[in-house]
Amino acid sequence: MTDWYTDEDFWRKFGPLMFGEEQFSEAAEQVSALLARIELKAGAVLDLGCGPGRHALPLARAGLKVTAMDTSGYLLDDLRRRAGDERLEIDIRCEDMRDFSDAGPFDAVFVMWTSFGYFEDESDHDRVLDNIVDVLEPGGVLVLDLLGLETLCRTLEPVHLTENADGSLLIERPALVDHNTRLENEWILVRGDRADRAMFSHRVWSAGEIARLVEAAGLELEAIDGDLDGTPYDFESERMYVFARKS
């Protein structure tokens, strides 16, 4: 059985909903704030689980040496097109974050927009962190952008309906399962008389759980923030930003 995140048909059908121009503009603002937050002005960086390059592109525009990695050839083709249009040099790699090699060293690794946590086997997340530690320079920083358990407990709706600009309807049916450690989601996209359905899930961590996981990998936890202005993460936060450094 194909894992949902390696199913190219999933990204073809639902990717345009996730990666619109508004999301690209938002990511460019995030990159400016992130680079200021970690005080990085030059060097080599890895965008892990990069998708179509929402963050890789502005990182390259900032003058950084960027490696972008994802398992979806479909999404990476979009990144290649966008990078080519802007004449940006990005090392684009179709690799699994559990097994990548011959990369780095990097001054920073970014895993954005809940791209960390797809795997059902808990040890796979440890493998990813081990890989990240291996490719980080001493003093290099890891940034994880996650949707925390605390936020989900506050905001989760059993059914959510969105009418998209093209007139299509997206019906979302999320649920916390496995003792509140995973978020399972069913998406139904209705276009005219056609409905496309997909199921996907990812691991959900509380702030305390992700702190222990990062530290167990040998990284020094610097902060868990609720935004990119340095506000500490709490039950009112919309996102969870984890900053950890290799000693």
Protein backbone atom coordinates (compact mmCIF):
# COMPACT_ATOMS: atom_id res chain seq x y z
CA MET A 1 0.00 0.00 0.00
CA THR A 2 1.33 3.42 -0.97
CA ASP A 3 1.85 5.91 1.84
CA TRP A 4 -0.32 8.97 1.33
CA TYR A 5 2.65 11.33 1.16
CA THR A 6 4.25 9.37 -1.70
CA ASP A 7 1.03 9.25 -3.70
CA GLU A 8 1.55 11.71 -6.56
CA ASP A 9 -2.18 11.65 -7.34
CA PHE A 10 -2.83 13.13 -3.88
CA TRP A 11 -0.54 16.08 -4.60
CA ARG A 12 -1.99 16.63 -8.08
CA LYS A 13 -5.53 16.80 -6.73
CA PHE A 14 -5.00 18.57 -3.41
CA GLY A 15 -1.65 20.32 -3.78
CA PRO A 16 -3.14 23.39 -5.50
CA LEU A 17 -5.31 23.95 -2.41
CA MET A 18 -2.24 23.87 -0.13
CA PHE A 19 0.21 25.81 -2.28
CA GLY A 20 -1.55 28.85 -3.71
CA GLU A 21 0.11 32.19 -4.36
CA GLU A 22 -1.14 33.48 -1.01
CA GLN A 23 0.79 30.68 0.73
CA PHE A 24 3.92 31.51 -1.27
CA SER A 25 3.71 35.17 -0.21
CA GLU A 26 3.16 34.17 3.41
CA ALA A 27 6.21 31.89 3.30
CA ALA A 28 8.41 34.70 1.97
CA GLU A 29 7.47 36.79 5.01
CA GLN A 30 8.18 33.83 7.29
CA VAL A 31 11.66 33.38 5.81
CA SER A 32 12.56 37.02 6.50
CA ALA A 33 11.44 36.64 10.11
CA LEU A 34 13.18 33.27 10.52
CA LEU A 35 16.53 34.48 9.22
CA ALA A 36 16.38 37.45 11.56
CA ARG A 37 15.37 35.17 14.44
CA ILE A 38 18.33 32.80 14.00
CA GLU A 39 20.67 35.62 12.90
CA LEU A 40 21.65 33.92 9.64
CA LYS A 41 22.79 36.17 6.80
CA ALA A 42 24.90 33.76 4.74
CA GLY A 43 25.68 30.07 4.45
CA ALA A 44 24.15 26.77 3.35
CA VAL A 45 20.64 25.70 4.34
CA LEU A 46 18.40 22.67 3.82
CA ASP A 47 14.66 22.93 3.22
CA LEU A 48 13.53 19.42 4.16
CA GLY A 49 10.11 18.38 2.90
CA CYS A 50 10.22 21.45 0.68
CA GLY A 51 7.19 20.75 -1.53
CA PRO A 52 7.01 23.25 -4.40
CA GLY A 53 9.50 25.54 -2.67
CA ARG A 54 7.45 27.99 -0.66
CA HIS A 55 10.44 28.51 1.64
CA ALA A 56 13.29 27.33 -0.59
CA LEU A 57 12.67 30.11 -3.10
CA PRO A 58 12.83 33.06 -0.66
CA LEU A 59 15.82 31.42 1.06
CA ALA A 60 17.60 31.43 -2.30
CA ARG A 61 16.50 35.02 -2.96
CA ALA A 62 18.17 35.94 0.34
CA GLY A 63 21.50 34.80 -1.09
CA LEU A 64 21.77 31.52 0.81
CA LYS A 65 23.05 28.29 -0.73
CA VAL A 66 19.87 26.20 -0.72
CA THR A 67 19.29 22.46 -0.92
CA ALA A 68 15.61 21.52 -1.26
CA MET A 69 14.48 17.95 -0.65
CA ASP A 70 11.14 16.18 -1.04
CA THR A 71 9.78 12.78 -2.11
CA SER A 72 7.23 14.20 -4.57
CA GLY A 73 8.55 14.57 -8.09
CA TYR A 74 5.34 16.39 -8.99
CA LEU A 75 5.92 19.12 -6.40
CA LEU A 76 9.64 19.33 -7.18
CA ASP A 77 8.83 19.92 -10.86
CA ASP A 78 6.87 22.98 -9.77
CA LEU A 79 9.87 24.15 -7.74
CA ARG A 80 12.18 23.67 -10.73
CA ARG A 81 9.87 25.73 -12.90
CA ARG A 82 9.63 28.55 -10.39
CA ALA A 83 13.38 28.55 -9.71
CA GLY A 84 14.05 28.60 -13.44
CA ASP A 85 11.69 31.52 -13.98
CA GLU A 86 13.62 33.50 -11.36
CA ARG A 87 17.04 32.12 -12.36
CA LEU A 88 17.65 30.94 -8.82
CA GLU A 89 20.22 28.23 -8.15
CA ILE A 90 18.75 25.57 -5.87
CA ASP A 91 20.05 22.02 -5.38
CA ILE A 92 16.78 20.11 -5.81
CA ARG A 93 16.73 16.49 -4.64
CA CYS A 94 14.00 13.85 -4.73
CA GLU A 95 14.88 11.92 -1.59
CA ASP A 96 13.25 10.52 1.54
CA MET A 97 14.11 12.47 4.69
CA ARG A 98 14.66 9.16 6.49
CA ASP A 99 17.47 8.08 4.17
CA PHE A 100 19.07 11.11 2.54
CA SER A 101 22.84 11.19 2.29
CA ASP A 102 25.68 13.09 0.64
CA ALA A 103 24.30 16.44 1.76
CA GLY A 104 25.57 19.33 3.79
CA PRO A 105 27.03 20.45 5.98
CA PHE A 106 24.34 23.07 6.64
CA ASP A 107 24.15 26.13 8.85
CA ALA A 108 20.40 25.61 9.24
CA VAL A 109 17.77 23.00 8.47
CA PHE A 110 14.16 24.07 8.04
CA VAL A 111 11.26 21.59 8.22
CA MET A 112 8.25 23.79 7.65
CA TRP A 113 4.47 23.60 7.58
CA THR A 114 4.08 20.33 9.50
CA SER A 115 6.35 18.40 7.12
CA PHE A 116 7.81 16.58 10.14
CA GLY A 117 5.56 13.84 11.49
CA TYR A 118 4.22 11.93 8.48
CA PHE A 119 5.50 8.49 9.50
CA GLU A 120 3.53 5.86 11.40
CA ASP A 121 6.65 4.19 12.80
CA GLU A 122 7.83 6.34 15.70
CA SER A 123 11.45 5.34 15.10
CA ASP A 124 11.33 6.99 11.68
CA HIS A 125 11.06 10.42 13.28
CA ASP A 126 14.16 9.60 15.32
CA ARG A 127 15.92 8.63 12.07
CA VAL A 128 15.04 11.98 10.51
CA LEU A 129 16.40 13.88 13.50
CA ASP A 130 19.57 11.77 13.46
CA ASN A 131 20.04 12.66 9.78
CA ILE A 132 19.55 16.32 10.55
CA VAL A 133 22.10 16.23 13.35
CA ASP A 134 24.56 14.53 11.00
CA VAL A 135 24.32 17.25 8.33
CA LEU A 136 24.24 20.29 10.64
CA GLU A 137 27.42 22.26 11.20
CA PRO A 138 28.45 22.65 14.86
CA GLY A 139 26.40 25.62 15.99
CA GLY A 140 23.87 25.00 13.21
CA VAL A 141 20.17 25.37 13.97
CA LEU A 142 17.09 23.24 13.30
CA VAL A 143 13.73 24.93 12.86
CA LEU A 144 10.56 22.83 13.05
CA ASP A 145 7.21 24.40 12.16
CA LEU A 146 4.44 22.23 13.62
CA LEU A 147 0.77 22.17 14.54
CA GLY A 148 0.90 21.39 18.25
CA LEU A 149 -1.44 19.15 20.22
CA GLU A 150 -2.39 22.07 22.47
CA THR A 151 -3.60 24.08 19.47
CA LEU A 152 -5.54 21.15 18.03
CA CYS A 153 -7.30 20.50 21.33
CA ARG A 154 -8.54 24.10 21.24
CA THR A 155 -9.42 24.47 17.55
CA LEU A 156 -10.34 21.04 16.15
CA GLU A 157 -13.75 20.87 14.47
CA PRO A 158 -15.27 17.49 13.49
CA VAL A 159 -16.28 18.88 10.08
CA HIS A 160 -15.01 21.97 8.28
CA LEU A 161 -16.26 23.32 4.94
CA THR A 162 -14.31 25.73 2.73
CA GLU A 163 -15.57 27.25 -0.52
CA ASN A 164 -12.57 27.87 -2.76
CA ALA A 165 -12.10 30.74 -5.18
CA ASP A 166 -12.75 28.44 -8.16
CA GLY A 167 -16.14 27.43 -6.75
CA SER A 168 -15.03 24.01 -5.53
CA LEU A 169 -15.85 22.87 -2.00
CA LEU A 170 -13.41 21.25 0.41
CA ILE A 171 -14.92 19.18 3.22
CA GLU A 172 -12.46 18.30 6.00
CA ARG A 173 -13.17 15.67 8.65
CA PRO A 174 -10.26 15.62 11.15
CA ALA A 175 -9.97 13.50 14.26
CA LEU A 176 -7.35 12.94 16.95
CA VAL A 177 -6.60 9.22 17.34
CA ASP A 178 -4.14 6.89 19.05
CA HIS A 179 -4.47 8.55 22.45
CA ASN A 180 -4.26 12.01 20.87
CA THR A 181 -0.90 11.33 19.23
CA ARG A 182 -2.03 11.41 15.57
CA LEU A 183 -4.31 13.60 13.51
CA GLU A 184 -6.28 11.69 10.90
CA ASN A 185 -7.98 13.74 8.24
CA GLU A 186 -10.40 12.93 5.46
CA TRP A 187 -10.62 15.48 2.66
CA ILE A 188 -13.42 15.50 0.11
CA LEU A 189 -12.98 17.94 -2.77
CA VAL A 190 -16.18 18.60 -4.72
CA ARG A 191 -15.88 20.12 -8.19
CA GLY A 192 -19.23 20.22 -10.00
CA ASP A 193 -20.55 16.66 -10.02
CA ARG A 194 -17.16 15.10 -9.16
CA ALA A 195 -15.85 14.36 -5.69
CA ASP A 196 -12.24 13.37 -4.93
CA ARG A 197 -11.53 11.82 -1.55
CA ALA A 198 -8.26 11.35 0.36
CA MET A 199 -7.23 10.13 3.80
CA PHE A 200 -4.00 11.24 5.42
CA SER A 201 -2.49 11.47 8.88
CA HIS A 202 0.50 12.77 10.78
CA ARG A 203 2.02 12.61 14.23
CA VAL A 204 1.05 15.31 16.72
CA TRP A 205 3.29 16.32 19.62
CA SER A 206 2.72 18.47 22.67
CA ALA A 207 5.40 21.02 23.48
CA GLY A 208 6.85 18.78 26.18
CA GLU A 209 6.94 15.74 23.89
CA ILE A 210 8.71 17.52 21.04
CA ALA A 211 11.20 19.05 23.47
CA ARG A 212 12.15 15.60 24.76
CA LEU A 213 12.38 14.20 21.22
CA VAL A 214 14.70 16.95 20.00
CA GLU A 215 16.91 16.76 23.06
CA ALA A 216 17.12 12.96 22.80
CA ALA A 217 18.57 13.46 19.31
CA GLY A 218 21.44 15.41 20.86
CA LEU A 219 20.28 18.93 20.03
CA GLU A 220 20.12 21.80 22.48
CA LEU A 221 16.60 23.20 22.67
CA GLU A 222 16.66 27.00 22.47
CA ALA A 223 12.97 27.88 22.32
CA ILE A 224 9.48 26.72 21.52
CA ASP A 225 7.57 29.75 20.28
CA GLY A 226 4.02 30.35 19.17
CA ASP A 227 4.97 32.77 16.41
CA LEU A 228 8.04 34.23 14.72
CA ASP A 229 8.09 37.29 16.99
CA GLY A 230 9.41 35.22 19.90
CA THR A 231 6.13 34.81 21.79
CA PRO A 232 6.42 31.67 23.95
CA TYR A 233 4.21 28.79 22.84
CA ASP A 234 1.04 28.34 24.91
CA PHE A 235 -2.55 27.16 24.61
CA GLU A 236 -3.50 30.24 22.57
CA SER A 237 -0.81 29.70 19.90
CA GLU A 238 -1.75 28.96 16.30
CA ARG A 239 1.58 27.30 15.40
CA MET A 240 4.52 25.72 17.20
CA TYR A 241 8.04 26.84 16.15
CA VAL A 242 10.86 24.75 17.62
CA PHE A 243 14.42 26.11 17.59
CA ALA A 244 17.23 23.71 18.47
CA ARG A 245 20.99 23.95 17.96
CA LYS A 246 23.79 21.48 17.45
CA SER A 247 26.57 22.01 19.99
